[in-house]
PDB file of all heavy atoms in Angstrom:
ATOM      1  N   LEU A   1       7.138   4.456   1.262  1.00  0.00           N
ATOM      2  CA  LEU A   1       6.522   3.506   2.140  1.00  0.00           C
ATOM      3  C   LEU A   1       6.941   3.731   3.644  1.00  0.00           C
ATOM      4  O   LEU A   1       6.119   3.786   4.512  1.00  0.00           O
ATOM      5  CB  LEU A   1       6.824   2.087   1.672  1.00  0.00           C
ATOM      6  CG  LEU A   1       6.151   0.964   2.491  1.00  0.00           C
ATOM      7  CD1 LEU A   1       4.636   1.062   2.550  1.00  0.00           C
ATOM      8  CD2 LEU A   1       6.597  -0.483   1.932  1.00  0.00           C
ATOM      9  N   GLU A   2       8.182   3.906   3.912  1.00  0.00           N
ATOM     10  CA  GLU A   2       8.639   4.210   5.261  1.00  0.00           C
ATOM     11  C   GLU A   2       8.115   5.498   5.821  1.00  0.00           C
ATOM     12  O   GLU A   2       7.771   5.452   6.949  1.00  0.00           O
ATOM     13  CB  GLU A   2      10.202   4.099   5.223  1.00  0.00           C
ATOM     14  CG  GLU A   2      10.777   4.523   6.698  1.00  0.00           C
ATOM     15  CD  GLU A   2      10.201   3.662   7.842  1.00  0.00           C
ATOM     16  OE1 GLU A   2       9.828   2.532   7.583  1.00  0.00           O
ATOM     17  OE2 GLU A   2      10.088   4.233   8.883  1.00  0.00           O
ATOM     18  N   ALA A   3       8.000   6.446   4.869  1.00  0.00           N
ATOM     19  CA  ALA A   3       7.394   7.795   5.430  1.00  0.00           C
ATOM     20  C   ALA A   3       5.944   7.542   5.888  1.00  0.00           C
ATOM     21  O   ALA A   3       5.522   8.097   6.930  1.00  0.00           O
ATOM     22  CB  ALA A   3       7.473   8.847   4.290  1.00  0.00           C
ATOM     23  N   VAL A   4       5.191   6.873   5.118  1.00  0.00           N
ATOM     24  CA  VAL A   4       3.828   6.585   5.519  1.00  0.00           C
ATOM     25  C   VAL A   4       3.825   5.662   6.800  1.00  0.00           C
ATOM     26  O   VAL A   4       2.935   5.927   7.707  1.00  0.00           O
ATOM     27  CB  VAL A   4       2.986   5.989   4.416  1.00  0.00           C
ATOM     28  CG1 VAL A   4       1.552   5.734   4.799  1.00  0.00           C
ATOM     29  CG2 VAL A   4       3.051   6.871   3.134  1.00  0.00           C
ATOM     30  N   SER A   5       4.659   4.680   6.887  1.00  0.00           N
ATOM     31  CA  SER A   5       4.789   3.771   7.955  1.00  0.00           C
ATOM     32  C   SER A   5       5.087   4.612   9.300  1.00  0.00           C
ATOM     33  O   SER A   5       4.504   4.477  10.327  1.00  0.00           O
ATOM     34  CB  SER A   5       5.842   2.710   7.784  1.00  0.00           C
ATOM     35  OG  SER A   5       5.474   2.036   6.736  1.00  0.00           O
ATOM     36  N   ALA A   6       5.963   5.575   9.096  1.00  0.00           N
ATOM     37  CA  ALA A   6       6.382   6.385  10.192  1.00  0.00           C
ATOM     38  C   ALA A   6       5.171   7.231  10.777  1.00  0.00           C
ATOM     39  O   ALA A   6       5.086   7.389  11.985  1.00  0.00           O
ATOM     40  CB  ALA A   6       7.525   7.260   9.977  1.00  0.00           C
ATOM     41  N   ARG A   7       4.404   7.629   9.766  1.00  0.00           N
ATOM     42  CA  ARG A   7       3.289   8.513  10.197  1.00  0.00           C
ATOM     43  C   ARG A   7       2.284   7.633  10.898  1.00  0.00           C
ATOM     44  O   ARG A   7       1.658   8.105  12.060  1.00  0.00           O
ATOM     45  CB  ARG A   7       2.651   9.089   8.957  1.00  0.00           C
ATOM     46  CG  ARG A   7       1.321   9.932   9.208  1.00  0.00           C
ATOM     47  CD  ARG A   7       1.659  11.257   9.829  1.00  0.00           C
ATOM     48  NE  ARG A   7       0.499  12.051  10.148  1.00  0.00           N
ATOM     49  CZ  ARG A   7       0.087  13.104   9.399  1.00  0.00           C
ATOM     50  NH1 ARG A   7       0.796  13.353   8.214  1.00  0.00           N
ATOM     51  NH2 ARG A   7      -1.006  13.748   9.606  1.00  0.00           N
ATOM     52  N   LEU A   8       2.026   6.440  10.514  1.00  0.00           N
ATOM     53  CA  LEU A   8       1.225   5.445  11.319  1.00  0.00           C
ATOM     54  C   LEU A   8       1.715   5.137  12.647  1.00  0.00           C
ATOM     55  O   LEU A   8       0.967   5.003  13.666  1.00  0.00           O
ATOM     56  CB  LEU A   8       0.985   4.219  10.438  1.00  0.00           C
ATOM     57  CG  LEU A   8       0.138   4.376   9.208  1.00  0.00           C
ATOM     58  CD1 LEU A   8       0.144   3.084   8.374  1.00  0.00           C
ATOM     59  CD2 LEU A   8      -1.296   4.729   9.603  1.00  0.00           C
ATOM     60  N   ARG A   9       2.947   4.955  12.735  1.00  0.00           N
ATOM     61  CA  ARG A   9       3.610   4.603  14.124  1.00  0.00           C
ATOM     62  C   ARG A   9       3.529   5.831  15.160  1.00  0.00           C
ATOM     63  O   ARG A   9       3.301   5.494  16.331  1.00  0.00           O
ATOM     64  CB  ARG A   9       5.084   4.235  13.887  1.00  0.00           C
ATOM     65  CG  ARG A   9       5.331   2.897  13.255  1.00  0.00           C
ATOM     66  CD  ARG A   9       6.782   2.409  13.459  1.00  0.00           C
ATOM     67  NE  ARG A   9       7.655   3.306  12.677  1.00  0.00           N
ATOM     68  CZ  ARG A   9       8.101   3.046  11.431  1.00  0.00           C
ATOM     69  NH1 ARG A   9       7.587   1.890  10.842  1.00  0.00           N
ATOM     70  NH2 ARG A   9       8.927   3.873  10.848  1.00  0.00           N
ATOM     71  N   THR A  10       3.579   7.005  14.552  1.00  0.00           N
ATOM     72  CA  THR A  10       3.830   8.231  15.486  1.00  0.00           C
ATOM     73  C   THR A  10       2.560   9.050  15.701  1.00  0.00           C
ATOM     74  O   THR A  10       2.552   9.791  16.677  1.00  0.00           O
ATOM     75  CB  THR A  10       4.925   9.002  15.111  1.00  0.00           C
ATOM     76  OG1 THR A  10       4.653   9.494  13.768  1.00  0.00           O
ATOM     77  CG2 THR A  10       6.219   8.172  14.987  1.00  0.00           C
ATOM     78  N   ASP A  11       1.627   9.126  14.743  1.00  0.00           N
ATOM     79  CA  ASP A  11       0.568   9.912  14.789  1.00  0.00           C
ATOM     80  C   ASP A  11      -0.668   9.166  15.610  1.00  0.00           C
ATOM     81  O   ASP A  11      -1.360   8.420  15.066  1.00  0.00           O
ATOM     82  CB  ASP A  11      -0.067  10.371  13.452  1.00  0.00           C
ATOM     83  CG  ASP A  11      -1.069  11.343  13.439  1.00  0.00           C
ATOM     84  OD1 ASP A  11      -1.642  11.671  14.515  1.00  0.00           O
ATOM     85  OD2 ASP A  11      -1.247  12.061  12.477  1.00  0.00           O
ATOM     86  N   ALA A  12      -0.756   9.596  16.865  1.00  0.00           N
ATOM     87  CA  ALA A  12      -1.836   8.872  17.775  1.00  0.00           C
ATOM     88  C   ALA A  12      -3.212   9.210  17.394  1.00  0.00           C
ATOM     89  O   ALA A  12      -4.064   8.483  17.830  1.00  0.00           O
ATOM     90  CB  ALA A  12      -1.470   9.236  19.216  1.00  0.00           C
ATOM     91  N   ARG A  13      -3.409  10.142  16.547  1.00  0.00           N
ATOM     92  CA  ARG A  13      -4.755  10.421  16.143  1.00  0.00           C
ATOM     93  C   ARG A  13      -5.383   9.463  15.186  1.00  0.00           C
ATOM     94  O   ARG A  13      -6.530   9.139  15.178  1.00  0.00           O
ATOM     95  CB  ARG A  13      -4.756  11.805  15.465  1.00  0.00           C
ATOM     96  CG  ARG A  13      -4.431  12.953  16.313  1.00  0.00           C
ATOM     97  CD  ARG A  13      -4.478  14.341  15.489  1.00  0.00           C
ATOM     98  NE  ARG A  13      -3.714  14.053  14.223  1.00  0.00           N
ATOM     99  CZ  ARG A  13      -3.936  14.548  13.022  1.00  0.00           C
ATOM    100  NH1 ARG A  13      -4.942  15.303  12.806  1.00  0.00           N
ATOM    101  NH2 ARG A  13      -3.019  14.395  11.999  1.00  0.00           N
ATOM    102  N   ILE A  14      -4.399   8.754  14.370  1.00  0.00           N
ATOM    103  CA  ILE A  14      -4.808   7.826  13.334  1.00  0.00           C
ATOM    104  C   ILE A  14      -5.286   6.594  14.032  1.00  0.00           C
ATOM    105  O   ILE A  14      -4.403   5.795  14.620  1.00  0.00           O
ATOM    106  CB  ILE A  14      -3.780   7.593  12.309  1.00  0.00           C
ATOM    107  CG1 ILE A  14      -3.417   8.900  11.626  1.00  0.00           C
ATOM    108  CG2 ILE A  14      -4.218   6.552  11.283  1.00  0.00           C
ATOM    109  CD1 ILE A  14      -2.154   8.835  10.694  1.00  0.00           C
ATOM    110  N   GLY A  15      -6.551   6.094  13.941  1.00  0.00           N
ATOM    111  CA  GLY A  15      -7.078   4.902  14.478  1.00  0.00           C
ATOM    112  C   GLY A  15      -7.603   3.966  13.546  1.00  0.00           C
ATOM    113  O   GLY A  15      -7.978   2.896  13.901  1.00  0.00           O
ATOM    114  N   ILE A  16      -7.674   4.449  12.315  1.00  0.00           N
ATOM    115  CA  ILE A  16      -8.214   3.499  11.278  1.00  0.00           C
ATOM    116  C   ILE A  16      -7.269   3.568  10.072  1.00  0.00           C
ATOM    117  O   ILE A  16      -6.959   4.583   9.644  1.00  0.00           O
ATOM    118  CB  ILE A  16      -9.636   3.830  10.852  1.00  0.00           C
ATOM    119  CG1 ILE A  16     -10.616   3.850  12.062  1.00  0.00           C
ATOM    120  CG2 ILE A  16     -10.125   2.970   9.744  1.00  0.00           C
ATOM    121  CD1 ILE A  16     -11.901   4.299  11.719  1.00  0.00           C
ATOM    122  N   LEU A  17      -6.887   2.346   9.473  1.00  0.00           N
ATOM    123  CA  LEU A  17      -6.032   2.268   8.311  1.00  0.00           C
ATOM    124  C   LEU A  17      -6.969   1.615   7.181  1.00  0.00           C
ATOM    125  O   LEU A  17      -7.406   0.503   7.448  1.00  0.00           O
ATOM    126  CB  LEU A  17      -4.819   1.471   8.562  1.00  0.00           C
ATOM    127  CG  LEU A  17      -4.032   1.071   7.240  1.00  0.00           C
ATOM    128  CD1 LEU A  17      -3.435   2.241   6.462  1.00  0.00           C
ATOM    129  CD2 LEU A  17      -2.800   0.074   7.706  1.00  0.00           C
ATOM    130  N   ILE A  18      -7.049   2.243   6.053  1.00  0.00           N
ATOM    131  CA  ILE A  18      -7.700   1.631   4.969  1.00  0.00           C
ATOM    132  C   ILE A  18      -6.629   1.273   3.964  1.00  0.00           C
ATOM    133  O   ILE A  18      -6.158   2.197   3.208  1.00  0.00           O
ATOM    134  CB  ILE A  18      -8.761   2.545   4.268  1.00  0.00           C
ATOM    135  CG1 ILE A  18      -9.783   3.044   5.444  1.00  0.00           C
ATOM    136  CG2 ILE A  18      -9.531   1.840   3.180  1.00  0.00           C
ATOM    137  CD1 ILE A  18     -10.606   2.042   6.002  1.00  0.00           C
ATOM    138  N   ASN A  19      -6.217   0.119   3.696  1.00  0.00           N
ATOM    139  CA  ASN A  19      -5.255  -0.402   2.822  1.00  0.00           C
ATOM    140  C   ASN A  19      -5.800  -0.569   1.590  1.00  0.00           C
ATOM    141  O   ASN A  19      -6.331  -1.755   1.264  1.00  0.00           O
ATOM    142  CB  ASN A  19      -4.572  -1.717   3.375  1.00  0.00           C
ATOM    143  CG  ASN A  19      -3.247  -1.507   4.171  1.00  0.00           C
ATOM    144  OD1 ASN A  19      -2.467  -0.615   3.795  1.00  0.00           O
ATOM    145  ND2 ASN A  19      -3.007  -2.323   5.150  1.00  0.00           N
ATOM    146  N   ASN A  20      -6.016   0.448   0.848  1.00  0.00           N
ATOM    147  CA  ASN A  20      -6.772   0.333  -0.454  1.00  0.00           C
ATOM    148  C   ASN A  20      -5.828   0.324  -1.725  1.00  0.00           C
ATOM    149  O   ASN A  20      -6.231  -0.168  -2.741  1.00  0.00           O
ATOM    150  CB  ASN A  20      -7.783   1.517  -0.657  1.00  0.00           C
ATOM    151  CG  ASN A  20      -8.265   1.619  -1.957  1.00  0.00           C
ATOM    152  OD1 ASN A  20      -9.149   0.834  -2.458  1.00  0.00           O
ATOM    153  ND2 ASN A  20      -7.891   2.908  -2.472  1.00  0.00           N
ATOM    154  N   ALA A  21      -4.684   0.938  -1.691  1.00  0.00           N
ATOM    155  CA  ALA A  21      -3.875   1.112  -2.829  1.00  0.00           C
ATOM    156  C   ALA A  21      -3.529  -0.264  -3.417  1.00  0.00           C
ATOM    157  O   ALA A  21      -3.144  -1.130  -2.721  1.00  0.00           O
ATOM    158  CB  ALA A  21      -2.602   1.853  -2.494  1.00  0.00           C
ATOM    159  N   GLY A  22      -3.630  -0.257  -4.776  1.00  0.00           N
ATOM    160  CA  GLY A  22      -3.311  -1.551  -5.355  1.00  0.00           C
ATOM    161  C   GLY A  22      -3.429  -1.362  -6.965  1.00  0.00           C
ATOM    162  O   GLY A  22      -3.822  -0.297  -7.493  1.00  0.00           O
ATOM    163  N   ALA A  23      -2.822  -2.356  -7.621  1.00  0.00           N
ATOM    164  CA  ALA A  23      -2.886  -2.322  -9.102  1.00  0.00           C
ATOM    165  C   ALA A  23      -3.138  -3.718  -9.607  1.00  0.00           C
ATOM    166  O   ALA A  23      -3.062  -4.725  -8.942  1.00  0.00           O
ATOM    167  CB  ALA A  23      -1.521  -1.833  -9.546  1.00  0.00           C
ATOM    168  N   ALA A  24      -3.596  -3.768 -10.866  1.00  0.00           N
ATOM    169  CA  ALA A  24      -3.794  -4.980 -11.466  1.00  0.00           C
ATOM    170  C   ALA A  24      -2.798  -5.133 -12.791  1.00  0.00           C
ATOM    171  O   ALA A  24      -2.077  -4.271 -12.984  1.00  0.00           O
ATOM    172  CB  ALA A  24      -5.296  -5.040 -11.981  1.00  0.00           C
ATOM    173  N   GLN A  25      -2.944  -6.191 -13.457  1.00  0.00           N
ATOM    174  CA  GLN A  25      -1.975  -6.444 -14.423  1.00  0.00           C
ATOM    175  C   GLN A  25      -2.684  -7.308 -15.521  1.00  0.00           C
ATOM    176  O   GLN A  25      -3.398  -8.364 -15.093  1.00  0.00           O
ATOM    177  CB  GLN A  25      -0.753  -7.163 -13.917  1.00  0.00           C
ATOM    178  CG  GLN A  25       0.522  -6.923 -14.710  1.00  0.00           C
ATOM    179  CD  GLN A  25       1.719  -7.477 -13.951  1.00  0.00           C
ATOM    180  OE1 GLN A  25       1.676  -8.311 -13.052  1.00  0.00           O
ATOM    181  NE2 GLN A  25       2.836  -6.934 -14.248  1.00  0.00           N
ATOM    182  N   SER A  26      -2.612  -6.903 -16.770  1.00  0.00           N
ATOM    183  CA  SER A  26      -3.249  -7.762 -17.837  1.00  0.00           C
ATOM    184  C   SER A  26      -2.239  -8.677 -18.474  1.00  0.00           C
ATOM    185  O   SER A  26      -1.022  -8.471 -18.206  1.00  0.00           O
ATOM    186  CB  SER A  26      -3.850  -6.784 -18.845  1.00  0.00           C
ATOM    187  OG  SER A  26      -2.723  -6.016 -19.413  1.00  0.00           O
ATOM    188  N   GLY A  27      -2.649  -9.591 -19.076  1.00  0.00           N
ATOM    189  CA  GLY A  27      -1.729 -10.523 -19.907  1.00  0.00           C
ATOM    190  C   GLY A  27      -1.512 -11.842 -18.880  1.00  0.00           C
ATOM    191  O   GLY A  27      -1.584 -11.780 -17.696  1.00  0.00           O
ATOM    192  N   GLY A  28      -0.983 -12.777 -19.619  1.00  0.00           N
ATOM    193  CA  GLY A  28      -0.599 -14.009 -18.789  1.00  0.00           C
ATOM    194  C   GLY A  28       0.723 -13.899 -18.080  1.00  0.00           C
ATOM    195  O   GLY A  28       1.519 -12.882 -18.326  1.00  0.00           O
ATOM    196  N   PHE A  29       0.899 -14.893 -17.332  1.00  0.00           N
ATOM    197  CA  PHE A  29       2.243 -14.943 -16.536  1.00  0.00           C
ATOM    198  C   PHE A  29       3.466 -14.916 -17.439  1.00  0.00           C
ATOM    199  O   PHE A  29       4.460 -14.314 -17.117  1.00  0.00           O
ATOM    200  CB  PHE A  29       2.175 -16.129 -15.604  1.00  0.00           C
ATOM    201  CG  PHE A  29       3.395 -16.200 -14.684  1.00  0.00           C
ATOM    202  CD1 PHE A  29       3.256 -15.330 -13.494  1.00  0.00           C
ATOM    203  CD2 PHE A  29       4.306 -17.143 -14.698  1.00  0.00           C
ATOM    204  CE1 PHE A  29       4.260 -15.383 -12.584  1.00  0.00           C
ATOM    205  CE2 PHE A  29       5.358 -17.180 -13.816  1.00  0.00           C
ATOM    206  CZ  PHE A  29       5.335 -16.227 -12.634  1.00  0.00           C
ATOM    207  N   LEU A  30       3.348 -15.557 -18.580  1.00  0.00           N
ATOM    208  CA  LEU A  30       4.435 -15.580 -19.401  1.00  0.00           C
ATOM    209  C   LEU A  30       4.742 -14.287 -20.135  1.00  0.00           C
ATOM    210  O   LEU A  30       5.874 -14.137 -20.675  1.00  0.00           O
ATOM    211  CB  LEU A  30       4.212 -16.683 -20.454  1.00  0.00           C
ATOM    212  CG  LEU A  30       4.060 -18.123 -19.954  1.00  0.00           C
ATOM    213  CD1 LEU A  30       3.862 -19.037 -21.139  1.00  0.00           C
ATOM    214  CD2 LEU A  30       5.255 -18.603 -19.099  1.00  0.00           C
ATOM    215  N   ASP A  31       3.792 -13.350 -20.116  1.00  0.00           N
ATOM    216  CA  ASP A  31       3.875 -12.117 -20.785  1.00  0.00           C
ATOM    217  C   ASP A  31       4.413 -10.994 -19.976  1.00  0.00           C
ATOM    218  O   ASP A  31       4.671  -9.937 -20.327  1.00  0.00           O
ATOM    219  CB  ASP A  31       2.575 -11.651 -21.346  1.00  0.00           C
ATOM    220  CG  ASP A  31       1.862 -12.731 -22.253  1.00  0.00           C
ATOM    221  OD1 ASP A  31       2.655 -13.219 -23.021  1.00  0.00           O
ATOM    222  OD2 ASP A  31       0.756 -12.974 -22.260  1.00  0.00           O
ATOM    223  N   GLN A  32       4.559 -11.321 -18.614  1.00  0.00           N
ATOM    224  CA  GLN A  32       4.857 -10.285 -17.681  1.00  0.00           C
ATOM    225  C   GLN A  32       6.341 -10.250 -17.366  1.00  0.00           C
ATOM    226  O   GLN A  32       6.943 -11.315 -17.151  1.00  0.00           O
ATOM    227  CB  GLN A  32       4.058 -10.500 -16.328  1.00  0.00           C
ATOM    228  CG  GLN A  32       2.573 -10.336 -16.700  1.00  0.00           C
ATOM    229  CD  GLN A  32       1.680 -10.718 -15.493  1.00  0.00           C
ATOM    230  OE1 GLN A  32       2.275 -11.095 -14.549  1.00  0.00           O
ATOM    231  NE2 GLN A  32       0.430 -10.720 -15.733  1.00  0.00           N
ATOM    232  N   SER A  33       6.900  -9.066 -17.208  1.00  0.00           N
ATOM    233  CA  SER A  33       8.381  -8.904 -16.957  1.00  0.00           C
ATOM    234  C   SER A  33       8.597  -9.029 -15.481  1.00  0.00           C
ATOM    235  O   SER A  33       7.586  -8.827 -14.573  1.00  0.00           O
ATOM    236  CB  SER A  33       8.916  -7.601 -17.387  1.00  0.00           C
ATOM    237  OG  SER A  33       8.326  -6.555 -16.563  1.00  0.00           O
TER     238      SER A  33
END
């Protein structure tokens, strides 16, 4: 995460960030570790 953050801080060419990465989780709250 820090490596990607560093790229965003220092690469002046990058002007758009698409925060798309994500995950879901099945099962109820009581079933999750």
